């Protein structure tokens, strides 16, 4: 299994990022998280996703291309 944490400002772009990962076979892992970024005055979102891969893990793996 491989793991990714998607993060972005709380905009529709974040939803599209998560939707794209789901379309590529990633699965939601846990609930989304939200936090206020006081330095940039925005809400930030995070969502963990996982994918079941049968190939050996390598730190060189490009997770966004999976």
PDB file of N, CA and C in Angstrom:
ATOM      1  N   UNK A   1       0.858  -1.171   0.000  1.00  0.00           N
ATOM      2  CA  UNK A   1       0.000   0.000   0.000  1.00  0.00           C
ATOM      3  C   UNK A   1       0.901   1.230   0.000  1.00  0.00           C
ATOM      4  N   UNK A   2       0.525   2.227  -0.774  1.00  0.00           N
ATOM      5  CA  UNK A   2       1.249   3.497  -0.763  1.00  0.00           C
ATOM      6  C   UNK A   2       0.323   4.589  -0.227  1.00  0.00           C
ATOM      7  N   UNK A   3       0.911   5.596   0.363  1.00  0.00           N
ATOM      8  CA  UNK A   3       0.185   6.631   1.102  1.00  0.00           C
ATOM      9  C   UNK A   3       0.565   7.996   0.554  1.00  0.00           C
ATOM     10  N   UNK A   4      -0.417   8.869   0.469  1.00  0.00           N
ATOM     11  CA  UNK A   4      -0.213  10.257   0.051  1.00  0.00           C
ATOM     12  C   UNK A   4      -1.044  11.162   0.928  1.00  0.00           C
ATOM     13  N   UNK A   5      -0.542  12.347   1.212  1.00  0.00           N
ATOM     14  CA  UNK A   5      -1.330  13.359   1.917  1.00  0.00           C
ATOM     15  C   UNK A   5      -1.498  14.538   0.971  1.00  0.00           C
ATOM     16  N   UNK A   6      -2.724  14.742   0.541  1.00  0.00           N
ATOM     17  CA  UNK A   6      -3.046  15.847  -0.363  1.00  0.00           C
ATOM     18  C   UNK A   6      -3.347  17.077   0.485  1.00  0.00           C
ATOM     19  N   UNK A   7      -2.765  18.212   0.137  1.00  0.00           N
ATOM     20  CA  UNK A   7      -3.006  19.450   0.874  1.00  0.00           C
ATOM     21  C   UNK A   7      -3.173  20.604  -0.105  1.00  0.00           C
ATOM     22  N   UNK A   8      -3.921  21.598   0.325  1.00  0.00           N
ATOM     23  CA  UNK A   8      -4.118  22.809  -0.485  1.00  0.00           C
ATOM     24  C   UNK A   8      -4.985  23.778   0.301  1.00  0.00           C
ATOM     25  N   UNK A   9      -5.109  24.996  -0.220  1.00  0.00           N
ATOM     26  CA  UNK A   9      -6.060  25.947   0.342  1.00  0.00           C
ATOM     27  C   UNK A   9      -7.471  25.398   0.154  1.00  0.00           C
ATOM     28  N   UNK A  10      -8.388  25.843   0.993  1.00  0.00           N
ATOM     29  CA  UNK A  10      -9.780  25.388   0.927  1.00  0.00           C
ATOM     30  C   UNK A  10     -10.491  26.078  -0.236  1.00  0.00           C
ATOM     31  N   UNK A  11     -10.258  25.555  -1.434  1.00  0.00           N
ATOM     32  CA  UNK A  11     -10.899  26.048  -2.656  1.00  0.00           C
ATOM     33  C   UNK A  11     -11.378  24.848  -3.455  1.00  0.00           C
ATOM     34  N   UNK A  12     -12.054  25.105  -4.549  1.00  0.00           N
ATOM     35  CA  UNK A  12     -12.495  24.004  -5.405  1.00  0.00           C
ATOM     36  C   UNK A  12     -11.304  23.244  -5.980  1.00  0.00           C
ATOM     37  N   UNK A  13     -10.141  23.886  -6.083  1.00  0.00           N
ATOM     38  CA  UNK A  13      -8.944  23.203  -6.590  1.00  0.00           C
ATOM     39  C   UNK A  13      -8.576  22.018  -5.703  1.00  0.00           C
ATOM     40  N   UNK A  14      -8.770  22.157  -4.389  1.00  0.00           N
ATOM     41  CA  UNK A  14      -8.498  21.045  -3.490  1.00  0.00           C
ATOM     42  C   UNK A  14      -9.447  19.887  -3.783  1.00  0.00           C
ATOM     43  N   UNK A  15     -10.718  20.179  -3.956  1.00  0.00           N
ATOM     44  CA  UNK A  15     -11.699  19.136  -4.271  1.00  0.00           C
ATOM     45  C   UNK A  15     -11.346  18.444  -5.584  1.00  0.00           C
ATOM     46  N   UNK A  16     -10.902  19.211  -6.569  1.00  0.00           N
ATOM     47  CA  UNK A  16     -10.495  18.615  -7.842  1.00  0.00           C
ATOM     48  C   UNK A  16      -9.270  17.722  -7.659  1.00  0.00           C
ATOM     49  N   UNK A  17      -8.333  18.137  -6.801  1.00  0.00           N
ATOM     50  CA  UNK A  17      -7.135  17.328  -6.546  1.00  0.00           C
ATOM     51  C   UNK A  17      -7.521  15.976  -5.945  1.00  0.00           C
ATOM     52  N   UNK A  18      -8.438  15.991  -4.980  1.00  0.00           N
ATOM     53  CA  UNK A  18      -8.894  14.752  -4.355  1.00  0.00           C
ATOM     54  C   UNK A  18      -9.681  13.921  -5.370  1.00  0.00           C
ATOM     55  N   UNK A  19     -10.552  14.555  -6.137  1.00  0.00           N
ATOM     56  CA  UNK A  19     -11.340  13.831  -7.139  1.00  0.00           C
ATOM     57  C   UNK A  19     -10.446  13.179  -8.188  1.00  0.00           C
ATOM     58  N   UNK A  20      -9.397  13.873  -8.597  1.00  0.00           N
ATOM     59  CA  UNK A  20      -8.463  13.297  -9.567  1.00  0.00           C
ATOM     60  C   UNK A  20      -7.766  12.065  -8.990  1.00  0.00           C
ATOM     61  N   UNK A  21      -7.350  12.147  -7.733  1.00  0.00           N
ATOM     62  CA  UNK A  21      -6.714  10.993  -7.095  1.00  0.00           C
ATOM     63  C   UNK A  21      -7.683   9.814  -7.033  1.00  0.00           C
ATOM     64  N   UNK A  22      -8.938  10.068  -6.677  1.00  0.00           N
ATOM     65  CA  UNK A  22      -9.936   8.995  -6.627  1.00  0.00           C
ATOM     66  C   UNK A  22     -10.148   8.380  -8.012  1.00  0.00           C
ATOM     67  N   UNK A  23     -10.165   9.202  -9.043  1.00  0.00           N
ATOM     68  CA  UNK A  23     -10.337   8.703 -10.411  1.00  0.00           C
ATOM     69  C   UNK A  23      -9.158   7.842 -10.849  1.00  0.00           C
ATOM     70  N   UNK A  24      -7.986   8.068 -10.245  1.00  0.00           N
ATOM     71  CA  UNK A  24      -6.791   7.282 -10.581  1.00  0.00           C
ATOM     72  C   UNK A  24      -6.654   6.038  -9.697  1.00  0.00           C
ATOM     73  N   UNK A  25      -7.680   5.745  -8.903  1.00  0.00           N
ATOM     74  CA  UNK A  25      -7.668   4.522  -8.113  1.00  0.00           C
ATOM     75  C   UNK A  25      -7.232   4.663  -6.670  1.00  0.00           C
ATOM     76  N   UNK A  26      -6.929   5.885  -6.217  1.00  0.00           N
ATOM     77  CA  UNK A  26      -6.603   6.108  -4.820  1.00  0.00           C
ATOM     78  C   UNK A  26      -7.886   6.008  -4.002  1.00  0.00           C
ATOM     79  N   UNK A  27      -7.784   5.647  -2.734  1.00  0.00           N
ATOM     80  CA  UNK A  27      -8.932   5.555  -1.829  1.00  0.00           C
ATOM     81  C   UNK A  27      -8.732   6.511  -0.664  1.00  0.00           C
ATOM     82  N   UNK A  28      -9.833   7.099  -0.197  1.00  0.00           N
ATOM     83  CA  UNK A  28      -9.757   7.973   0.970  1.00  0.00           C
ATOM     84  C   UNK A  28      -9.281   7.180   2.173  1.00  0.00           C
ATOM     85  N   UNK A  29      -8.468   7.803   2.992  1.00  0.00           N
ATOM     86  CA  UNK A  29      -7.952   7.173   4.208  1.00  0.00           C
ATOM     87  C   UNK A  29      -8.207   8.149   5.351  1.00  0.00           C
ATOM     88  N   UNK A  30      -9.229   7.881   6.119  1.00  0.00           N
ATOM     89  CA  UNK A  30      -9.582   8.767   7.222  1.00  0.00           C
ATOM     90  C   UNK A  30     -10.384   9.969   6.746  1.00  0.00           C
ATOM     91  N   UNK A  31     -10.619  10.862   7.661  1.00  0.00           N
ATOM     92  CA  UNK A  31     -11.411  12.058   7.390  1.00  0.00           C
ATOM     93  C   UNK A  31     -10.518  13.209   6.945  1.00  0.00           C
ATOM     94  N   UNK A  32     -11.078  14.170   6.220  1.00  0.00           N
ATOM     95  CA  UNK A  32     -10.284  15.347   5.862  1.00  0.00           C
ATOM     96  C   UNK A  32     -10.005  16.189   7.108  1.00  0.00           C
ATOM     97  N   UNK A  33      -8.958  16.974   7.030  1.00  0.00           N
ATOM     98  CA  UNK A  33      -8.597  17.891   8.117  1.00  0.00           C
ATOM     99  C   UNK A  33      -8.581  19.311   7.585  1.00  0.00           C
ATOM    100  N   UNK A  34      -8.930  20.251   8.454  1.00  0.00           N
ATOM    101  CA  UNK A  34      -8.929  21.666   8.104  1.00  0.00           C
ATOM    102  C   UNK A  34      -8.195  22.428   9.192  1.00  0.00           C
ATOM    103  N   UNK A  35      -7.450  23.430   8.785  1.00  0.00           N
ATOM    104  CA  UNK A  35      -6.750  24.265   9.762  1.00  0.00           C
ATOM    105  C   UNK A  35      -6.620  25.670   9.194  1.00  0.00           C
ATOM    106  N   UNK A  36      -6.630  26.624  10.092  1.00  0.00           N
ATOM    107  CA  UNK A  36      -6.475  28.016   9.686  1.00  0.00           C
ATOM    108  C   UNK A  36      -4.995  28.357   9.603  1.00  0.00           C
ATOM    109  N   UNK A  37      -4.571  28.860   8.458  1.00  0.00           N
ATOM    110  CA  UNK A  37      -3.194  29.307   8.233  1.00  0.00           C
ATOM    111  C   UNK A  37      -3.173  30.821   8.482  1.00  0.00           C
ATOM    112  N   UNK A  38      -2.796  31.203   9.697  1.00  0.00           N
ATOM    113  CA  UNK A  38      -2.845  32.624  10.070  1.00  0.00           C
ATOM    114  C   UNK A  38      -1.809  33.461   9.330  1.00  0.00           C
ATOM    115  N   UNK A  39      -0.727  32.845   8.904  1.00  0.00           N
ATOM    116  CA  UNK A  39       0.305  33.586   8.178  1.00  0.00           C
ATOM    117  C   UNK A  39      -0.204  34.036   6.809  1.00  0.00           C
ATOM    118  N   UNK A  40      -1.013  33.176   6.179  1.00  0.00           N
ATOM    119  CA  UNK A  40      -1.548  33.509   4.849  1.00  0.00           C
ATOM    120  C   UNK A  40      -3.026  33.863   4.873  1.00  0.00           C
ATOM    121  N   UNK A  41      -3.639  33.816   6.065  1.00  0.00           N
ATOM    122  CA  UNK A  41      -5.039  34.194   6.247  1.00  0.00           C
ATOM    123  C   UNK A  41      -5.995  33.354   5.387  1.00  0.00           C
ATOM    124  N   UNK A  42      -5.767  32.038   5.349  1.00  0.00           N
ATOM    125  CA  UNK A  42      -6.624  31.125   4.582  1.00  0.00           C
ATOM    126  C   UNK A  42      -6.848  29.840   5.380  1.00  0.00           C
ATOM    127  N   UNK A  43      -7.907  29.146   5.034  1.00  0.00           N
ATOM    128  CA  UNK A  43      -8.128  27.795   5.557  1.00  0.00           C
ATOM    129  C   UNK A  43      -7.360  26.830   4.658  1.00  0.00           C
ATOM    130  N   UNK A  44      -6.727  25.832   5.268  1.00  0.00           N
ATOM    131  CA  UNK A  44      -5.993  24.807   4.536  1.00  0.00           C
ATOM    132  C   UNK A  44      -6.685  23.463   4.753  1.00  0.00           C
ATOM    133  N   UNK A  45      -6.668  22.619   3.747  1.00  0.00           N
ATOM    134  CA  UNK A  45      -7.290  21.297   3.799  1.00  0.00           C
ATOM    135  C   UNK A  45      -6.235  20.221   3.612  1.00  0.00           C
ATOM    136  N   UNK A  46      -6.507  19.055   4.179  1.00  0.00           N
ATOM    137  CA  UNK A  46      -5.652  17.890   3.976  1.00  0.00           C
ATOM    138  C   UNK A  46      -6.535  16.653   3.914  1.00  0.00           C
ATOM    139  N   UNK A  47      -6.172  15.739   3.027  1.00  0.00           N
ATOM    140  CA  UNK A  47      -6.878  14.461   2.926  1.00  0.00           C
ATOM    141  C   UNK A  47      -5.859  13.381   2.608  1.00  0.00           C
ATOM    142  N   UNK A  48      -5.813  12.371   3.446  1.00  0.00           N
ATOM    143  CA  UNK A  48      -4.935  11.235   3.180  1.00  0.00           C
ATOM    144  C   UNK A  48      -5.625  10.292   2.206  1.00  0.00           C
ATOM    145  N   UNK A  49      -4.838   9.720   1.308  1.00  0.00           N
ATOM    146  CA  UNK A  49      -5.328   8.722   0.362  1.00  0.00           C
ATOM    147  C   UNK A  49      -4.318   7.575   0.304  1.00  0.00           C
ATOM    148  N   UNK A  50      -4.801   6.389  -0.017  1.00  0.00           N
ATOM    149  CA  UNK A  50      -3.939   5.220  -0.144  1.00  0.00           C
ATOM    150  C   UNK A  50      -4.267   4.500  -1.446  1.00  0.00           C
ATOM    151  N   UNK A  51      -3.306   3.726  -1.898  1.00  0.00           N
ATOM    152  CA  UNK A  51      -3.489   2.919  -3.102  1.00  0.00           C
ATOM    153  C   UNK A  51      -2.803   1.580  -2.859  1.00  0.00           C
ATOM    154  N   UNK A  52      -3.476   0.521  -3.214  1.00  0.00           N
ATOM    155  CA  UNK A  52      -2.920  -0.814  -3.034  1.00  0.00           C
ATOM    156  C   UNK A  52      -2.076  -1.157  -4.250  1.00  0.00           C
ATOM    157  N   UNK A  53      -0.776  -1.178  -4.047  1.00  0.00           N
ATOM    158  CA  UNK A  53       0.180  -1.476  -5.109  1.00  0.00           C
ATOM    159  C   UNK A  53       0.870  -2.792  -4.785  1.00  0.00           C
ATOM    160  N   UNK A  54       1.118  -3.567  -5.819  1.00  0.00           N
ATOM    161  CA  UNK A  54       1.789  -4.845  -5.616  1.00  0.00           C
ATOM    162  C   UNK A  54       3.270  -4.767  -5.966  1.00  0.00           C
ATOM    163  N   UNK A  55       3.711  -3.632  -6.458  1.00  0.00           N
ATOM    164  CA  UNK A  55       5.126  -3.443  -6.783  1.00  0.00           C
ATOM    165  C   UNK A  55       5.888  -3.096  -5.508  1.00  0.00           C
ATOM    166  N   UNK A  56       7.155  -3.417  -5.447  1.00  0.00           N
ATOM    167  CA  UNK A  56       7.952  -3.054  -4.273  1.00  0.00           C
ATOM    168  C   UNK A  56       8.015  -1.532  -4.101  1.00  0.00           C
ATOM    169  N   UNK A  57       8.028  -1.092  -2.855  1.00  0.00           N
ATOM    170  CA  UNK A  57       8.106   0.335  -2.563  1.00  0.00           C
ATOM    171  C   UNK A  57       9.508   0.850  -2.857  1.00  0.00           C
ATOM    172  N   UNK A  58       9.575   2.059  -3.361  1.00  0.00           N
ATOM    173  CA  UNK A  58      10.843   2.750  -3.572  1.00  0.00           C
ATOM    174  C   UNK A  58      10.630   4.210  -3.233  1.00  0.00           C
ATOM    175  N   UNK A  59      11.569   4.861  -2.534  1.00  0.00           N
ATOM    176  CA  UNK A  59      11.417   6.290  -2.240  1.00  0.00           C
ATOM    177  C   UNK A  59      11.468   7.157  -3.502  1.00  0.00           C
ATOM    178  N   UNK A  60      11.879   6.594  -4.619  1.00  0.00           N
ATOM    179  CA  UNK A  60      11.899   7.320  -5.881  1.00  0.00           C
ATOM    180  C   UNK A  60      10.543   7.313  -6.583  1.00  0.00           C
ATOM    181  N   UNK A  61       9.562   6.605  -6.021  1.00  0.00           N
ATOM    182  CA  UNK A  61       8.234   6.498  -6.599  1.00  0.00           C
ATOM    183  C   UNK A  61       7.586   7.867  -6.682  1.00  0.00           C
ATOM    184  N   UNK A  62       7.094   8.247  -7.834  1.00  0.00           N
ATOM    185  CA  UNK A  62       6.395   9.519  -8.035  1.00  0.00           C
ATOM    186  C   UNK A  62       4.925   9.299  -7.695  1.00  0.00           C
ATOM    187  N   UNK A  63       4.531   9.613  -6.463  1.00  0.00           N
ATOM    188  CA  UNK A  63       3.196   9.296  -5.987  1.00  0.00           C
ATOM    189  C   UNK A  63       2.102   9.954  -6.793  1.00  0.00           C
ATOM    190  N   UNK A  64       2.295  11.182  -7.224  1.00  0.00           N
ATOM    191  CA  UNK A  64       1.271  11.876  -7.991  1.00  0.00           C
ATOM    192  C   UNK A  64       1.029  11.284  -9.366  1.00  0.00           C
ATOM    193  N   UNK A  65       1.960  10.476  -9.858  1.00  0.00           N
ATOM    194  CA  UNK A  65       1.813   9.859 -11.166  1.00  0.00           C
ATOM    195  C   UNK A  65       1.206   8.465 -11.082  1.00  0.00           C
ATOM    196  N   UNK A  66       0.927   8.012  -9.883  1.00  0.00           N
ATOM    197  CA  UNK A  66       0.367   6.667  -9.698  1.00  0.00           C
ATOM    198  C   UNK A  66      -1.114   6.649  -9.935  1.00  0.00           C
TER     199      UNK A  66
END
